Every structure is written in C-alpha cells, then in structure tokens.
Amino acid sequence: MKNILLFQKKIFFISYAISILIGVLFGGQPKMIGLSFLFIAPFTQYFFYEIKNKNQYYYYYNLGISNVMLWISTFVIGLINLLILMTI
C-alpha cells in the first residue's frame, strides 16, 4: 500500500491541479472537478510512466506490484475522489 501511494504521489497533485482548472472552466462544480480527475489521472500516468519514465515500472515490479495493479489503483483513487466530490 505504501509503495502504491508513492507511485500515486507523483501524478496526484499534477492531475488534481489540471482537474481543478478544467472543473472551474466547465462550471466550477465539485462534481465536474471529480469527473475531470477521473479522466486526467490516467492520462497523466500514461504520460509520466509510459512515455517519459518507462523504466520506472521496473522499480515497482521489483517491489511486487504489477503494472496492472498500478493502473487499477489510479482508477480506484479517481473513483473515490469522484464519489467524495459528488457528495459535496
């Protein structure tokens, strides 16, 4: 769990900043920020870990975390974020 959070820390703040900007541009509702985060976070992960730092996956693989598990964690965090922001 700690290593997944380490992985997510690199993309979370950048994705959230972009999502807030998009959410404000498209109505400013918290639900819109959560929805944009759900789509922006995987694109940010793709850019940072598939294009820019492709060898970074080996670090997490050696810790016992697969590539699929990292992608699933990104979607789960996005869904949790969306559910929290929908209740506001």
N, C-alpha and C. Protein backbone atom coordinates (compact mmCIF):
# COMPACT_ATOMS: atom_id res chain seq x y z
N MET A 1 0.82 -1.20 0.00
CA MET A 1 0.00 0.00 0.00
C MET A 1 0.87 1.27 0.00
N LYS A 2 1.92 1.23 0.80
CA LYS A 2 2.81 2.39 0.89
C LYS A 2 3.47 2.68 -0.45
N ASN A 3 3.85 1.63 -1.16
CA ASN A 3 4.51 1.82 -2.46
C ASN A 3 3.54 2.31 -3.52
N ILE A 4 2.28 1.89 -3.43
CA ILE A 4 1.27 2.40 -4.37
C ILE A 4 1.05 3.88 -4.13
N LEU A 5 1.03 4.29 -2.87
CA LEU A 5 0.87 5.72 -2.57
C LEU A 5 2.08 6.52 -3.05
N LEU A 6 3.25 5.93 -2.97
CA LEU A 6 4.45 6.58 -3.51
C LEU A 6 4.31 6.77 -5.01
N PHE A 7 3.78 5.76 -5.69
CA PHE A 7 3.54 5.85 -7.13
C PHE A 7 2.52 6.95 -7.43
N GLN A 8 1.44 6.98 -6.67
CA GLN A 8 0.36 7.94 -6.92
C GLN A 8 0.75 9.38 -6.58
N LYS A 9 1.68 9.53 -5.65
CA LYS A 9 2.09 10.87 -5.23
C LYS A 9 2.65 11.67 -6.39
N LYS A 10 3.32 11.00 -7.30
CA LYS A 10 3.95 11.70 -8.43
C LYS A 10 2.93 12.25 -9.41
N ILE A 11 1.78 11.61 -9.53
CA ILE A 11 0.80 12.06 -10.53
C ILE A 11 -0.40 12.76 -9.90
N PHE A 12 -0.63 12.57 -8.60
CA PHE A 12 -1.85 13.08 -7.98
C PHE A 12 -1.94 14.59 -8.03
N PHE A 13 -0.93 15.29 -7.59
CA PHE A 13 -1.01 16.75 -7.48
C PHE A 13 -1.08 17.42 -8.85
N ILE A 14 -0.36 16.90 -9.81
CA ILE A 14 -0.43 17.46 -11.16
C ILE A 14 -1.81 17.22 -11.76
N SER A 15 -2.32 16.01 -11.59
CA SER A 15 -3.65 15.68 -12.12
C SER A 15 -4.72 16.51 -11.44
N TYR A 16 -4.58 16.70 -10.14
CA TYR A 16 -5.60 17.46 -9.41
C TYR A 16 -5.59 18.93 -9.80
N ALA A 17 -4.41 19.49 -10.01
CA ALA A 17 -4.33 20.89 -10.44
C ALA A 17 -4.97 21.08 -11.80
N ILE A 18 -4.70 20.17 -12.73
CA ILE A 18 -5.32 20.26 -14.05
C ILE A 18 -6.82 20.05 -13.95
N SER A 19 -7.26 19.15 -13.08
CA SER A 19 -8.69 18.88 -12.91
C SER A 19 -9.42 20.07 -12.32
N ILE A 20 -8.81 20.75 -11.38
CA ILE A 20 -9.43 21.95 -10.82
C ILE A 20 -9.58 23.01 -11.89
N LEU A 21 -8.56 23.19 -12.69
CA LEU A 21 -8.63 24.16 -13.78
C LEU A 21 -9.75 23.81 -14.76
N ILE A 22 -9.83 22.55 -15.16
CA ILE A 22 -10.88 22.13 -16.08
C ILE A 22 -12.25 22.24 -15.42
N GLY A 23 -12.34 21.86 -14.16
CA GLY A 23 -13.61 21.95 -13.44
C GLY A 23 -14.11 23.37 -13.33
N VAL A 24 -13.22 24.31 -13.08
CA VAL A 24 -13.60 25.73 -12.99
C VAL A 24 -14.02 26.25 -14.36
N LEU A 25 -13.33 25.83 -15.40
CA LEU A 25 -13.68 26.28 -16.75
C LEU A 25 -15.04 25.74 -17.20
N PHE A 26 -15.42 24.57 -16.72
CA PHE A 26 -16.68 23.95 -17.14
C PHE A 26 -17.74 23.96 -16.05
N GLY A 27 -17.84 25.03 -15.31
CA GLY A 27 -18.95 25.19 -14.38
C GLY A 27 -18.56 25.38 -12.93
N GLY A 28 -17.42 24.93 -12.53
CA GLY A 28 -16.96 25.15 -11.16
C GLY A 28 -17.60 24.27 -10.11
N GLN A 29 -18.35 23.27 -10.51
CA GLN A 29 -18.97 22.37 -9.54
C GLN A 29 -17.97 21.31 -9.10
N PRO A 30 -18.03 20.91 -7.83
CA PRO A 30 -17.11 19.87 -7.35
C PRO A 30 -17.24 18.56 -8.14
N LYS A 31 -18.47 18.25 -8.57
CA LYS A 31 -18.68 17.03 -9.34
C LYS A 31 -17.88 17.06 -10.64
N MET A 32 -17.79 18.24 -11.25
CA MET A 32 -17.05 18.38 -12.50
C MET A 32 -15.55 18.22 -12.26
N ILE A 33 -15.06 18.70 -11.12
CA ILE A 33 -13.65 18.52 -10.78
C ILE A 33 -13.34 17.03 -10.59
N GLY A 34 -14.22 16.32 -9.89
CA GLY A 34 -14.02 14.89 -9.68
C GLY A 34 -14.08 14.10 -10.98
N LEU A 35 -15.00 14.47 -11.84
CA LEU A 35 -15.13 13.79 -13.13
C LEU A 35 -13.91 14.03 -14.01
N SER A 36 -13.42 15.26 -14.01
CA SER A 36 -12.23 15.54 -14.82
C SER A 36 -11.00 14.83 -14.24
N PHE A 37 -10.94 14.70 -12.90
CA PHE A 37 -9.82 13.97 -12.29
C PHE A 37 -9.85 12.51 -12.70
N LEU A 38 -11.05 11.95 -12.81
CA LEU A 38 -11.19 10.55 -13.20
C LEU A 38 -10.60 10.31 -14.59
N PHE A 39 -10.66 11.31 -15.46
CA PHE A 39 -10.11 11.16 -16.81
C PHE A 39 -8.67 11.68 -16.93
N ILE A 40 -8.32 12.70 -16.18
CA ILE A 40 -6.99 13.30 -16.28
C ILE A 40 -5.91 12.42 -15.62
N ALA A 41 -6.22 11.80 -14.50
CA ALA A 41 -5.22 10.99 -13.78
C ALA A 41 -4.65 9.86 -14.64
N PRO A 42 -5.48 9.09 -15.36
CA PRO A 42 -4.87 8.05 -16.22
C PRO A 42 -4.01 8.63 -17.35
N PHE A 43 -4.42 9.77 -17.90
CA PHE A 43 -3.60 10.39 -18.94
C PHE A 43 -2.26 10.87 -18.38
N THR A 44 -2.29 11.40 -17.16
CA THR A 44 -1.05 11.83 -16.52
C THR A 44 -0.16 10.62 -16.24
N GLN A 45 -0.76 9.53 -15.76
CA GLN A 45 0.02 8.32 -15.53
C GLN A 45 0.62 7.81 -16.84
N TYR A 46 -0.16 7.83 -17.89
CA TYR A 46 0.34 7.37 -19.18
C TYR A 46 1.53 8.22 -19.63
N PHE A 47 1.41 9.53 -19.47
CA PHE A 47 2.49 10.41 -19.90
C PHE A 47 3.75 10.18 -19.08
N PHE A 48 3.61 10.15 -17.74
CA PHE A 48 4.79 10.05 -16.89
C PHE A 48 5.43 8.66 -16.89
N TYR A 49 4.61 7.62 -16.94
CA TYR A 49 5.16 6.28 -16.75
C TYR A 49 5.23 5.44 -18.03
N GLU A 50 4.48 5.77 -19.05
CA GLU A 50 4.56 5.01 -20.30
C GLU A 50 5.45 5.71 -21.32
N ILE A 51 5.46 7.03 -21.31
CA ILE A 51 6.23 7.77 -22.31
C ILE A 51 7.54 8.30 -21.73
N LYS A 52 7.45 9.04 -20.62
CA LYS A 52 8.62 9.73 -20.09
C LYS A 52 9.56 8.81 -19.30
N ASN A 53 9.03 8.06 -18.35
CA ASN A 53 9.86 7.23 -17.47
C ASN A 53 9.44 5.77 -17.56
N LYS A 54 9.57 5.18 -18.71
CA LYS A 54 9.09 3.81 -18.90
C LYS A 54 9.80 2.80 -17.99
N ASN A 55 11.06 3.03 -17.68
CA ASN A 55 11.80 2.10 -16.83
C ASN A 55 11.40 2.19 -15.36
N GLN A 56 10.62 3.18 -15.00
CA GLN A 56 10.19 3.34 -13.61
C GLN A 56 9.30 2.18 -13.16
N TYR A 57 8.61 1.54 -14.09
CA TYR A 57 7.77 0.40 -13.74
C TYR A 57 8.59 -0.75 -13.15
N TYR A 58 9.84 -0.87 -13.55
CA TYR A 58 10.68 -1.95 -13.02
C TYR A 58 10.88 -1.81 -11.50
N TYR A 59 10.96 -0.59 -11.02
CA TYR A 59 11.10 -0.35 -9.58
C TYR A 59 9.91 -0.95 -8.84
N TYR A 60 8.71 -0.66 -9.31
CA TYR A 60 7.51 -1.16 -8.65
C TYR A 60 7.33 -2.66 -8.88
N TYR A 61 7.74 -3.14 -10.04
CA TYR A 61 7.68 -4.58 -10.32
C TYR A 61 8.58 -5.35 -9.36
N ASN A 62 9.76 -4.81 -9.07
CA ASN A 62 10.67 -5.46 -8.12
C ASN A 62 10.13 -5.42 -6.69
N LEU A 63 9.23 -4.49 -6.41
CA LEU A 63 8.59 -4.44 -5.10
C LEU A 63 7.37 -5.37 -5.03
N GLY A 64 7.05 -6.02 -6.14
CA GLY A 64 5.93 -6.95 -6.16
C GLY A 64 4.62 -6.35 -6.62
N ILE A 65 4.67 -5.17 -7.23
CA ILE A 65 3.46 -4.50 -7.70
C ILE A 65 3.48 -4.52 -9.22
N SER A 66 2.45 -5.10 -9.80
CA SER A 66 2.40 -5.21 -11.26
C SER A 66 1.92 -3.90 -11.89
N ASN A 67 2.14 -3.82 -13.18
CA ASN A 67 1.70 -2.67 -13.96
C ASN A 67 0.17 -2.53 -13.90
N VAL A 68 -0.53 -3.65 -13.96
CA VAL A 68 -1.99 -3.65 -13.90
C VAL A 68 -2.48 -3.12 -12.55
N MET A 69 -1.81 -3.53 -11.48
CA MET A 69 -2.20 -3.06 -10.14
C MET A 69 -2.04 -1.55 -10.02
N LEU A 70 -1.01 -0.99 -10.63
CA LEU A 70 -0.81 0.45 -10.59
C LEU A 70 -1.90 1.18 -11.37
N TRP A 71 -2.29 0.64 -12.52
CA TRP A 71 -3.38 1.24 -13.30
C TRP A 71 -4.70 1.16 -12.54
N ILE A 72 -4.96 0.01 -11.91
CA ILE A 72 -6.19 -0.15 -11.13
C ILE A 72 -6.21 0.84 -9.98
N SER A 73 -5.08 1.04 -9.33
CA SER A 73 -5.03 1.98 -8.21
C SER A 73 -5.34 3.41 -8.67
N THR A 74 -4.92 3.76 -9.87
CA THR A 74 -5.22 5.09 -10.40
C THR A 74 -6.72 5.26 -10.60
N PHE A 75 -7.37 4.25 -11.16
CA PHE A 75 -8.81 4.33 -11.38
C PHE A 75 -9.59 4.32 -10.07
N VAL A 76 -9.14 3.52 -9.10
CA VAL A 76 -9.83 3.46 -7.81
C VAL A 76 -9.72 4.80 -7.08
N ILE A 77 -8.56 5.40 -7.09
CA ILE A 77 -8.39 6.71 -6.45
C ILE A 77 -9.24 7.75 -7.16
N GLY A 78 -9.32 7.67 -8.48
CA GLY A 78 -10.19 8.58 -9.23
C GLY A 78 -11.65 8.41 -8.88
N LEU A 79 -12.10 7.16 -8.73
CA LEU A 79 -13.49 6.91 -8.35
C LEU A 79 -13.80 7.37 -6.93
N ILE A 80 -12.89 7.12 -6.01
CA ILE A 80 -13.08 7.58 -4.64
C ILE A 80 -13.16 9.10 -4.60
N ASN A 81 -12.30 9.75 -5.34
CA ASN A 81 -12.30 11.21 -5.41
C ASN A 81 -13.62 11.71 -5.99
N LEU A 82 -14.10 11.07 -7.05
CA LEU A 82 -15.37 11.46 -7.66
C LEU A 82 -16.53 11.28 -6.69
N LEU A 83 -16.57 10.16 -5.97
CA LEU A 83 -17.65 9.93 -5.02
C LEU A 83 -17.64 10.95 -3.88
N ILE A 84 -16.47 11.30 -3.41
CA ILE A 84 -16.37 12.31 -2.35
C ILE A 84 -16.85 13.66 -2.85
N LEU A 85 -16.43 14.04 -4.04
CA LEU A 85 -16.81 15.35 -4.57
C LEU A 85 -18.27 15.40 -5.02
N MET A 86 -18.87 14.27 -5.31
CA MET A 86 -20.29 14.26 -5.67
C MET A 86 -21.18 14.48 -4.46
N THR A 87 -20.69 14.15 -3.27
CA THR A 87 -21.49 14.33 -2.06
C THR A 87 -21.43 15.76 -1.53
N ILE A 88 -20.52 16.55 -2.04
CA ILE A 88 -20.40 17.94 -1.58
C ILE A 88 -21.47 18.78 -2.23
